[in-house]
Amino acid sequence: VVALLVAPATPASAHAVLVSTSPTA
C-alpha cells in the first residue's frame, strides 16, 4: 500500500519520439 501511495500518477504513453524542437534542427 505504501508503494502504491508513493507511486507517481503518470499518464499512459509508449515509446515517445521527438516530434519538434525550438530552435528547429
mmCIF file of all heavy atoms, coordinates in Angstrom:
data_MODEL
# 
_entry.id   MODEL 
# 
loop_
_atom_site.group_PDB 
_atom_site.id 
_atom_site.type_symbol 
_atom_site.label_atom_id 
_atom_site.label_alt_id 
_atom_site.label_comp_id 
_atom_site.label_asym_id 
_atom_site.label_entity_id 
_atom_site.label_seq_id 
_atom_site.pdbx_PDB_ins_code 
_atom_site.Cartn_x 
_atom_site.Cartn_y 
_atom_site.Cartn_z 
_atom_site.occupancy 
_atom_site.B_iso_or_equiv 
_atom_site.pdbx_formal_charge 
_atom_site.auth_seq_id 
_atom_site.auth_comp_id 
_atom_site.auth_asym_id 
_atom_site.auth_atom_id 
_atom_site.pdbx_PDB_model_num 
ATOM 1   N N   . VAL A 1 1  ? 0.832  -1.203 0.000   1.00 0.00 ? 1  VAL A N   1 
ATOM 2   C CA  . VAL A 1 1  ? 0.000  0.000  0.000   1.00 0.00 ? 1  VAL A CA  1 
ATOM 3   C C   . VAL A 1 1  ? 0.870  1.258  0.000   1.00 0.00 ? 1  VAL A C   1 
ATOM 4   O O   . VAL A 1 1  ? 0.603  2.224  -0.726  1.00 0.00 ? 1  VAL A O   1 
ATOM 5   C CB  . VAL A 1 1  ? -0.958 -0.004 1.208   1.00 0.00 ? 1  VAL A CB  1 
ATOM 6   C CG1 . VAL A 1 1  ? -1.687 1.321  1.323   1.00 0.00 ? 1  VAL A CG1 1 
ATOM 7   C CG2 . VAL A 1 1  ? -1.958 -1.142 1.083   1.00 0.00 ? 1  VAL A CG2 1 
ATOM 8   N N   . VAL A 1 2  ? 1.938  1.256  0.819   1.00 0.00 ? 2  VAL A N   1 
ATOM 9   C CA  . VAL A 1 2  ? 2.840  2.410  0.856   1.00 0.00 ? 2  VAL A CA  1 
ATOM 10  C C   . VAL A 1 2  ? 3.460  2.645  -0.512  1.00 0.00 ? 2  VAL A C   1 
ATOM 11  O O   . VAL A 1 2  ? 3.549  3.775  -1.000  1.00 0.00 ? 2  VAL A O   1 
ATOM 12  C CB  . VAL A 1 2  ? 3.931  2.198  1.926   1.00 0.00 ? 2  VAL A CB  1 
ATOM 13  C CG1 . VAL A 1 2  ? 4.990  3.294  1.826   1.00 0.00 ? 2  VAL A CG1 1 
ATOM 14  C CG2 . VAL A 1 2  ? 3.312  2.186  3.312   1.00 0.00 ? 2  VAL A CG2 1 
ATOM 15  N N   . ALA A 1 3  ? 3.881  1.553  -1.164  1.00 0.00 ? 3  ALA A N   1 
ATOM 16  C CA  . ALA A 1 3  ? 4.469  1.690  -2.500  1.00 0.00 ? 3  ALA A CA  1 
ATOM 17  C C   . ALA A 1 3  ? 3.459  2.266  -3.488  1.00 0.00 ? 3  ALA A C   1 
ATOM 18  O O   . ALA A 1 3  ? 3.803  3.077  -4.350  1.00 0.00 ? 3  ALA A O   1 
ATOM 19  C CB  . ALA A 1 3  ? 4.982  0.341  -2.995  1.00 0.00 ? 3  ALA A CB  1 
ATOM 20  N N   . LEU A 1 4  ? 2.205  1.844  -3.366  1.00 0.00 ? 4  LEU A N   1 
ATOM 21  C CA  . LEU A 1 4  ? 1.167  2.370  -4.248  1.00 0.00 ? 4  LEU A CA  1 
ATOM 22  C C   . LEU A 1 4  ? 0.926  3.852  -4.002  1.00 0.00 ? 4  LEU A C   1 
ATOM 23  O O   . LEU A 1 4  ? 0.692  4.628  -4.917  1.00 0.00 ? 4  LEU A O   1 
ATOM 24  C CB  . LEU A 1 4  ? -0.134 1.582  -4.042  1.00 0.00 ? 4  LEU A CB  1 
ATOM 25  C CG  . LEU A 1 4  ? -0.170 0.177  -4.642  1.00 0.00 ? 4  LEU A CG  1 
ATOM 26  C CD1 . LEU A 1 4  ? -1.421 -0.546 -4.171  1.00 0.00 ? 4  LEU A CD1 1 
ATOM 27  C CD2 . LEU A 1 4  ? -0.131 0.231  -6.163  1.00 0.00 ? 4  LEU A CD2 1 
ATOM 28  N N   . LEU A 1 5  ? 0.989  4.258  -2.712  1.00 0.00 ? 5  LEU A N   1 
ATOM 29  C CA  . LEU A 1 5  ? 0.724  5.646  -2.379  1.00 0.00 ? 5  LEU A CA  1 
ATOM 30  C C   . LEU A 1 5  ? 1.813  6.579  -2.885  1.00 0.00 ? 5  LEU A C   1 
ATOM 31  O O   . LEU A 1 5  ? 1.544  7.713  -3.268  1.00 0.00 ? 5  LEU A O   1 
ATOM 32  C CB  . LEU A 1 5  ? 0.573  5.799  -0.854  1.00 0.00 ? 5  LEU A CB  1 
ATOM 33  C CG  . LEU A 1 5  ? -0.697 5.185  -0.255  1.00 0.00 ? 5  LEU A CG  1 
ATOM 34  C CD1 . LEU A 1 5  ? -0.667 5.315  1.259   1.00 0.00 ? 5  LEU A CD1 1 
ATOM 35  C CD2 . LEU A 1 5  ? -1.952 5.847  -0.821  1.00 0.00 ? 5  LEU A CD2 1 
ATOM 36  N N   . VAL A 1 6  ? 3.067  6.095  -2.884  1.00 0.00 ? 6  VAL A N   1 
ATOM 37  C CA  . VAL A 1 6  ? 4.158  6.955  -3.335  1.00 0.00 ? 6  VAL A CA  1 
ATOM 38  C C   . VAL A 1 6  ? 4.374  6.867  -4.830  1.00 0.00 ? 6  VAL A C   1 
ATOM 39  O O   . VAL A 1 6  ? 5.186  7.595  -5.392  1.00 0.00 ? 6  VAL A O   1 
ATOM 40  C CB  . VAL A 1 6  ? 5.481  6.610  -2.615  1.00 0.00 ? 6  VAL A CB  1 
ATOM 41  C CG1 . VAL A 1 6  ? 5.328  6.762  -1.124  1.00 0.00 ? 6  VAL A CG1 1 
ATOM 42  C CG2 . VAL A 1 6  ? 5.954  5.202  -2.966  1.00 0.00 ? 6  VAL A CG2 1 
ATOM 43  N N   . ALA A 1 7  ? 3.653  5.994  -5.522  1.00 0.00 ? 7  ALA A N   1 
ATOM 44  C CA  . ALA A 1 7  ? 3.833  5.855  -6.973  1.00 0.00 ? 7  ALA A CA  1 
ATOM 45  C C   . ALA A 1 7  ? 3.343  7.118  -7.661  1.00 0.00 ? 7  ALA A C   1 
ATOM 46  O O   . ALA A 1 7  ? 2.323  7.687  -7.289  1.00 0.00 ? 7  ALA A O   1 
ATOM 47  C CB  . ALA A 1 7  ? 3.058  4.646  -7.490  1.00 0.00 ? 7  ALA A CB  1 
ATOM 48  N N   . PRO A 1 8  ? 4.070  7.581  -8.668  1.00 0.00 ? 8  PRO A N   1 
ATOM 49  C CA  . PRO A 1 8  ? 3.638  8.775  -9.391  1.00 0.00 ? 8  PRO A CA  1 
ATOM 50  C C   . PRO A 1 8  ? 2.430  8.487  -10.269 1.00 0.00 ? 8  PRO A C   1 
ATOM 51  O O   . PRO A 1 8  ? 2.284  7.389  -10.783 1.00 0.00 ? 8  PRO A O   1 
ATOM 52  C CB  . PRO A 1 8  ? 4.865  9.124  -10.255 1.00 0.00 ? 8  PRO A CB  1 
ATOM 53  C CG  . PRO A 1 8  ? 5.546  7.806  -10.462 1.00 0.00 ? 8  PRO A CG  1 
ATOM 54  C CD  . PRO A 1 8  ? 5.302  7.012  -9.189  1.00 0.00 ? 8  PRO A CD  1 
ATOM 55  N N   . ALA A 1 9  ? 1.570  9.482  -10.397 1.00 0.00 ? 9  ALA A N   1 
ATOM 56  C CA  . ALA A 1 9  ? 0.389  9.325  -11.265 1.00 0.00 ? 9  ALA A CA  1 
ATOM 57  C C   . ALA A 1 9  ? 0.741  9.823  -12.647 1.00 0.00 ? 9  ALA A C   1 
ATOM 58  O O   . ALA A 1 9  ? 0.510  10.981 -12.999 1.00 0.00 ? 9  ALA A O   1 
ATOM 59  C CB  . ALA A 1 9  ? -0.786 10.111 -10.689 1.00 0.00 ? 9  ALA A CB  1 
ATOM 60  N N   . THR A 1 10 ? 1.353  8.970  -13.466 1.00 0.00 ? 10 THR A N   1 
ATOM 61  C CA  . THR A 1 10 ? 1.767  9.371  -14.807 1.00 0.00 ? 10 THR A CA  1 
ATOM 62  C C   . THR A 1 10 ? 0.789  8.846  -15.830 1.00 0.00 ? 10 THR A C   1 
ATOM 63  O O   . THR A 1 10 ? 0.300  7.728  -15.722 1.00 0.00 ? 10 THR A O   1 
ATOM 64  C CB  . THR A 1 10 ? 3.164  8.821  -15.124 1.00 0.00 ? 10 THR A CB  1 
ATOM 65  O OG1 . THR A 1 10 ? 3.148  7.406  -14.912 1.00 0.00 ? 10 THR A OG1 1 
ATOM 66  C CG2 . THR A 1 10 ? 4.215  9.450  -14.247 1.00 0.00 ? 10 THR A CG2 1 
ATOM 67  N N   . PRO A 1 11 ? 0.476  9.610  -16.855 1.00 0.00 ? 11 PRO A N   1 
ATOM 68  C CA  . PRO A 1 11 ? -0.443 9.153  -17.881 1.00 0.00 ? 11 PRO A CA  1 
ATOM 69  C C   . PRO A 1 11 ? 0.192  8.076  -18.742 1.00 0.00 ? 11 PRO A C   1 
ATOM 70  O O   . PRO A 1 11 ? 1.406  7.989  -18.862 1.00 0.00 ? 11 PRO A O   1 
ATOM 71  C CB  . PRO A 1 11 ? -0.699 10.423 -18.707 1.00 0.00 ? 11 PRO A CB  1 
ATOM 72  C CG  . PRO A 1 11 ? 0.506  11.266 -18.498 1.00 0.00 ? 11 PRO A CG  1 
ATOM 73  C CD  . PRO A 1 11 ? 0.969  10.972 -17.098 1.00 0.00 ? 11 PRO A CD  1 
ATOM 74  N N   . ALA A 1 12 ? -0.636 7.284  -19.394 1.00 0.00 ? 12 ALA A N   1 
ATOM 75  C CA  . ALA A 1 12 ? -0.125 6.204  -20.230 1.00 0.00 ? 12 ALA A CA  1 
ATOM 76  C C   . ALA A 1 12 ? 0.429  6.764  -21.530 1.00 0.00 ? 12 ALA A C   1 
ATOM 77  O O   . ALA A 1 12 ? -0.111 7.683  -22.119 1.00 0.00 ? 12 ALA A O   1 
ATOM 78  C CB  . ALA A 1 12 ? -1.236 5.209  -20.554 1.00 0.00 ? 12 ALA A CB  1 
ATOM 79  N N   . SER A 1 13 ? 1.561  6.206  -21.946 1.00 0.00 ? 13 SER A N   1 
ATOM 80  C CA  . SER A 1 13 ? 2.143  6.542  -23.231 1.00 0.00 ? 13 SER A CA  1 
ATOM 81  C C   . SER A 1 13 ? 3.081  5.429  -23.621 1.00 0.00 ? 13 SER A C   1 
ATOM 82  O O   . SER A 1 13 ? 3.296  4.503  -22.865 1.00 0.00 ? 13 SER A O   1 
ATOM 83  C CB  . SER A 1 13 ? 2.901  7.877  -23.151 1.00 0.00 ? 13 SER A CB  1 
ATOM 84  O OG  . SER A 1 13 ? 3.948  7.793  -22.221 1.00 0.00 ? 13 SER A OG  1 
ATOM 85  N N   . ALA A 1 14 ? 3.682  5.518  -24.805 1.00 0.00 ? 14 ALA A N   1 
ATOM 86  C CA  . ALA A 1 14 ? 4.528  4.417  -25.238 1.00 0.00 ? 14 ALA A CA  1 
ATOM 87  C C   . ALA A 1 14 ? 5.567  4.880  -26.215 1.00 0.00 ? 14 ALA A C   1 
ATOM 88  O O   . ALA A 1 14 ? 5.241  5.485  -27.229 1.00 0.00 ? 14 ALA A O   1 
ATOM 89  C CB  . ALA A 1 14 ? 3.664  3.327  -25.881 1.00 0.00 ? 14 ALA A CB  1 
ATOM 90  N N   . HIS A 1 15 ? 6.825  4.626  -25.900 1.00 0.00 ? 15 HIS A N   1 
ATOM 91  C CA  . HIS A 1 15 ? 7.923  4.887  -26.814 1.00 0.00 ? 15 HIS A CA  1 
ATOM 92  C C   . HIS A 1 15 ? 7.820  6.275  -27.423 1.00 0.00 ? 15 HIS A C   1 
ATOM 93  O O   . HIS A 1 15 ? 7.632  6.446  -28.623 1.00 0.00 ? 15 HIS A O   1 
ATOM 94  C CB  . HIS A 1 15 ? 7.963  3.812  -27.891 1.00 0.00 ? 15 HIS A CB  1 
ATOM 95  C CG  . HIS A 1 15 ? 8.395  2.488  -27.349 1.00 0.00 ? 15 HIS A CG  1 
ATOM 96  N ND1 . HIS A 1 15 ? 9.707  2.176  -27.102 1.00 0.00 ? 15 HIS A ND1 1 
ATOM 97  C CD2 . HIS A 1 15 ? 7.691  1.409  -26.980 1.00 0.00 ? 15 HIS A CD2 1 
ATOM 98  C CE1 . HIS A 1 15 ? 9.798  0.953  -26.616 1.00 0.00 ? 15 HIS A CE1 1 
ATOM 99  N NE2 . HIS A 1 15 ? 8.586  0.479  -26.520 1.00 0.00 ? 15 HIS A NE2 1 
ATOM 100 N N   . ALA A 1 16 ? 7.957  7.285  -26.573 1.00 0.00 ? 16 ALA A N   1 
ATOM 101 C CA  . ALA A 1 16 ? 7.869  8.659  -27.054 1.00 0.00 ? 16 ALA A CA  1 
ATOM 102 C C   . ALA A 1 16 ? 8.975  8.937  -28.064 1.00 0.00 ? 16 ALA A C   1 
ATOM 103 O O   . ALA A 1 16 ? 10.083 8.422  -27.961 1.00 0.00 ? 16 ALA A O   1 
ATOM 104 C CB  . ALA A 1 16 ? 7.990  9.621  -25.873 1.00 0.00 ? 16 ALA A CB  1 
ATOM 105 N N   . VAL A 1 17 ? 8.670  9.761  -29.062 1.00 0.00 ? 17 VAL A N   1 
ATOM 106 C CA  . VAL A 1 17 ? 9.648  10.183 -30.061 1.00 0.00 ? 17 VAL A CA  1 
ATOM 107 C C   . VAL A 1 17 ? 9.613  11.701 -30.164 1.00 0.00 ? 17 VAL A C   1 
ATOM 108 O O   . VAL A 1 17 ? 8.602  12.342 -29.893 1.00 0.00 ? 17 VAL A O   1 
ATOM 109 C CB  . VAL A 1 17 ? 9.363  9.559  -31.442 1.00 0.00 ? 17 VAL A CB  1 
ATOM 110 C CG1 . VAL A 1 17 ? 9.580  8.068  -31.403 1.00 0.00 ? 17 VAL A CG1 1 
ATOM 111 C CG2 . VAL A 1 17 ? 7.953  9.872  -31.905 1.00 0.00 ? 17 VAL A CG2 1 
ATOM 112 N N   . LEU A 1 18 ? 10.744 12.267 -30.531 1.00 0.00 ? 18 LEU A N   1 
ATOM 113 C CA  . LEU A 1 18 ? 10.842 13.713 -30.671 1.00 0.00 ? 18 LEU A CA  1 
ATOM 114 C C   . LEU A 1 18 ? 10.105 14.143 -31.935 1.00 0.00 ? 18 LEU A C   1 
ATOM 115 O O   . LEU A 1 18 ? 10.416 13.696 -33.031 1.00 0.00 ? 18 LEU A O   1 
ATOM 116 C CB  . LEU A 1 18 ? 12.311 14.125 -30.745 1.00 0.00 ? 18 LEU A CB  1 
ATOM 117 C CG  . LEU A 1 18 ? 12.606 15.617 -30.742 1.00 0.00 ? 18 LEU A CG  1 
ATOM 118 C CD1 . LEU A 1 18 ? 12.194 16.246 -29.414 1.00 0.00 ? 18 LEU A CD1 1 
ATOM 119 C CD2 . LEU A 1 18 ? 14.090 15.859 -31.014 1.00 0.00 ? 18 LEU A CD2 1 
ATOM 120 N N   . VAL A 1 19 ? 9.118  15.044 -31.776 1.00 0.00 ? 19 VAL A N   1 
ATOM 121 C CA  . VAL A 1 19 ? 8.325  15.473 -32.929 1.00 0.00 ? 19 VAL A CA  1 
ATOM 122 C C   . VAL A 1 19 ? 8.667  16.898 -33.379 1.00 0.00 ? 19 VAL A C   1 
ATOM 123 O O   . VAL A 1 19 ? 8.450  17.240 -34.544 1.00 0.00 ? 19 VAL A O   1 
ATOM 124 C CB  . VAL A 1 19 ? 6.814  15.366 -32.629 1.00 0.00 ? 19 VAL A CB  1 
ATOM 125 C CG1 . VAL A 1 19 ? 6.409  13.927 -32.433 1.00 0.00 ? 19 VAL A CG1 1 
ATOM 126 C CG2 . VAL A 1 19 ? 6.423  16.195 -31.403 1.00 0.00 ? 19 VAL A CG2 1 
ATOM 127 N N   . SER A 1 20 ? 9.202  17.739 -32.482 1.00 0.00 ? 20 SER A N   1 
ATOM 128 C CA  . SER A 1 20 ? 9.581  19.092 -32.892 1.00 0.00 ? 20 SER A CA  1 
ATOM 129 C C   . SER A 1 20 ? 10.554 19.673 -31.877 1.00 0.00 ? 20 SER A C   1 
ATOM 130 O O   . SER A 1 20 ? 10.634 19.219 -30.730 1.00 0.00 ? 20 SER A O   1 
ATOM 131 C CB  . SER A 1 20 ? 8.347  20.004 -33.010 1.00 0.00 ? 20 SER A CB  1 
ATOM 132 O OG  . SER A 1 20 ? 7.756  20.215 -31.745 1.00 0.00 ? 20 SER A OG  1 
ATOM 133 N N   . THR A 1 21 ? 11.319 20.669 -32.332 1.00 0.00 ? 21 THR A N   1 
ATOM 134 C CA  . THR A 1 21 ? 12.252 21.360 -31.448 1.00 0.00 ? 21 THR A CA  1 
ATOM 135 C C   . THR A 1 21 ? 12.182 22.851 -31.726 1.00 0.00 ? 21 THR A C   1 
ATOM 136 O O   . THR A 1 21 ? 11.760 23.292 -32.799 1.00 0.00 ? 21 THR A O   1 
ATOM 137 C CB  . THR A 1 21 ? 13.701 20.883 -31.671 1.00 0.00 ? 21 THR A CB  1 
ATOM 138 O OG1 . THR A 1 21 ? 14.119 21.244 -33.004 1.00 0.00 ? 21 THR A OG1 1 
ATOM 139 C CG2 . THR A 1 21 ? 13.823 19.387 -31.485 1.00 0.00 ? 21 THR A CG2 1 
ATOM 140 N N   . SER A 1 22 ? 12.596 23.633 -30.753 1.00 0.00 ? 22 SER A N   1 
ATOM 141 C CA  . SER A 1 22 ? 12.739 25.072 -30.921 1.00 0.00 ? 22 SER A CA  1 
ATOM 142 C C   . SER A 1 22 ? 14.050 25.492 -30.248 1.00 0.00 ? 22 SER A C   1 
ATOM 143 O O   . SER A 1 22 ? 14.181 25.333 -29.036 1.00 0.00 ? 22 SER A O   1 
ATOM 144 C CB  . SER A 1 22 ? 11.560 25.827 -30.285 1.00 0.00 ? 22 SER A CB  1 
ATOM 145 O OG  . SER A 1 22 ? 11.746 27.231 -30.402 1.00 0.00 ? 22 SER A OG  1 
ATOM 146 N N   . PRO A 1 23 ? 15.012 25.963 -31.032 1.00 0.00 ? 23 PRO A N   1 
ATOM 147 C CA  . PRO A 1 23 ? 15.032 26.145 -32.483 1.00 0.00 ? 23 PRO A CA  1 
ATOM 148 C C   . PRO A 1 23 ? 14.914 24.804 -33.210 1.00 0.00 ? 23 PRO A C   1 
ATOM 149 O O   . PRO A 1 23 ? 15.264 23.770 -32.662 1.00 0.00 ? 23 PRO A O   1 
ATOM 150 C CB  . PRO A 1 23 ? 16.408 26.774 -32.740 1.00 0.00 ? 23 PRO A CB  1 
ATOM 151 C CG  . PRO A 1 23 ? 16.853 27.306 -31.420 1.00 0.00 ? 23 PRO A CG  1 
ATOM 152 C CD  . PRO A 1 23 ? 16.276 26.386 -30.397 1.00 0.00 ? 23 PRO A CD  1 
ATOM 153 N N   . THR A 1 24 ? 14.459 24.873 -34.462 1.00 0.00 ? 24 THR A N   1 
ATOM 154 C CA  . THR A 1 24 ? 14.331 23.642 -35.232 1.00 0.00 ? 24 THR A CA  1 
ATOM 155 C C   . THR A 1 24 ? 15.709 23.102 -35.589 1.00 0.00 ? 24 THR A C   1 
ATOM 156 O O   . THR A 1 24 ? 16.702 23.841 -35.620 1.00 0.00 ? 24 THR A O   1 
ATOM 157 C CB  . THR A 1 24 ? 13.536 23.890 -36.522 1.00 0.00 ? 24 THR A CB  1 
ATOM 158 O OG1 . THR A 1 24 ? 14.196 24.910 -37.282 1.00 0.00 ? 24 THR A OG1 1 
ATOM 159 C CG2 . THR A 1 24 ? 12.113 24.329 -36.197 1.00 0.00 ? 24 THR A CG2 1 
ATOM 160 N N   . ALA A 1 25 ? 15.763 21.781 -35.843 1.00 0.00 ? 25 ALA A N   1 
ATOM 161 C CA  . ALA A 1 25 ? 17.029 21.144 -36.175 1.00 0.00 ? 25 ALA A CA  1 
ATOM 162 C C   . ALA A 1 25 ? 17.636 21.776 -37.418 1.00 0.00 ? 25 ALA A C   1 
ATOM 163 O O   . ALA A 1 25 ? 16.939 22.040 -38.403 1.00 0.00 ? 25 ALA A O   1 
ATOM 164 C CB  . ALA A 1 25 ? 16.815 19.649 -36.384 1.00 0.00 ? 25 ALA A CB  1 
# 
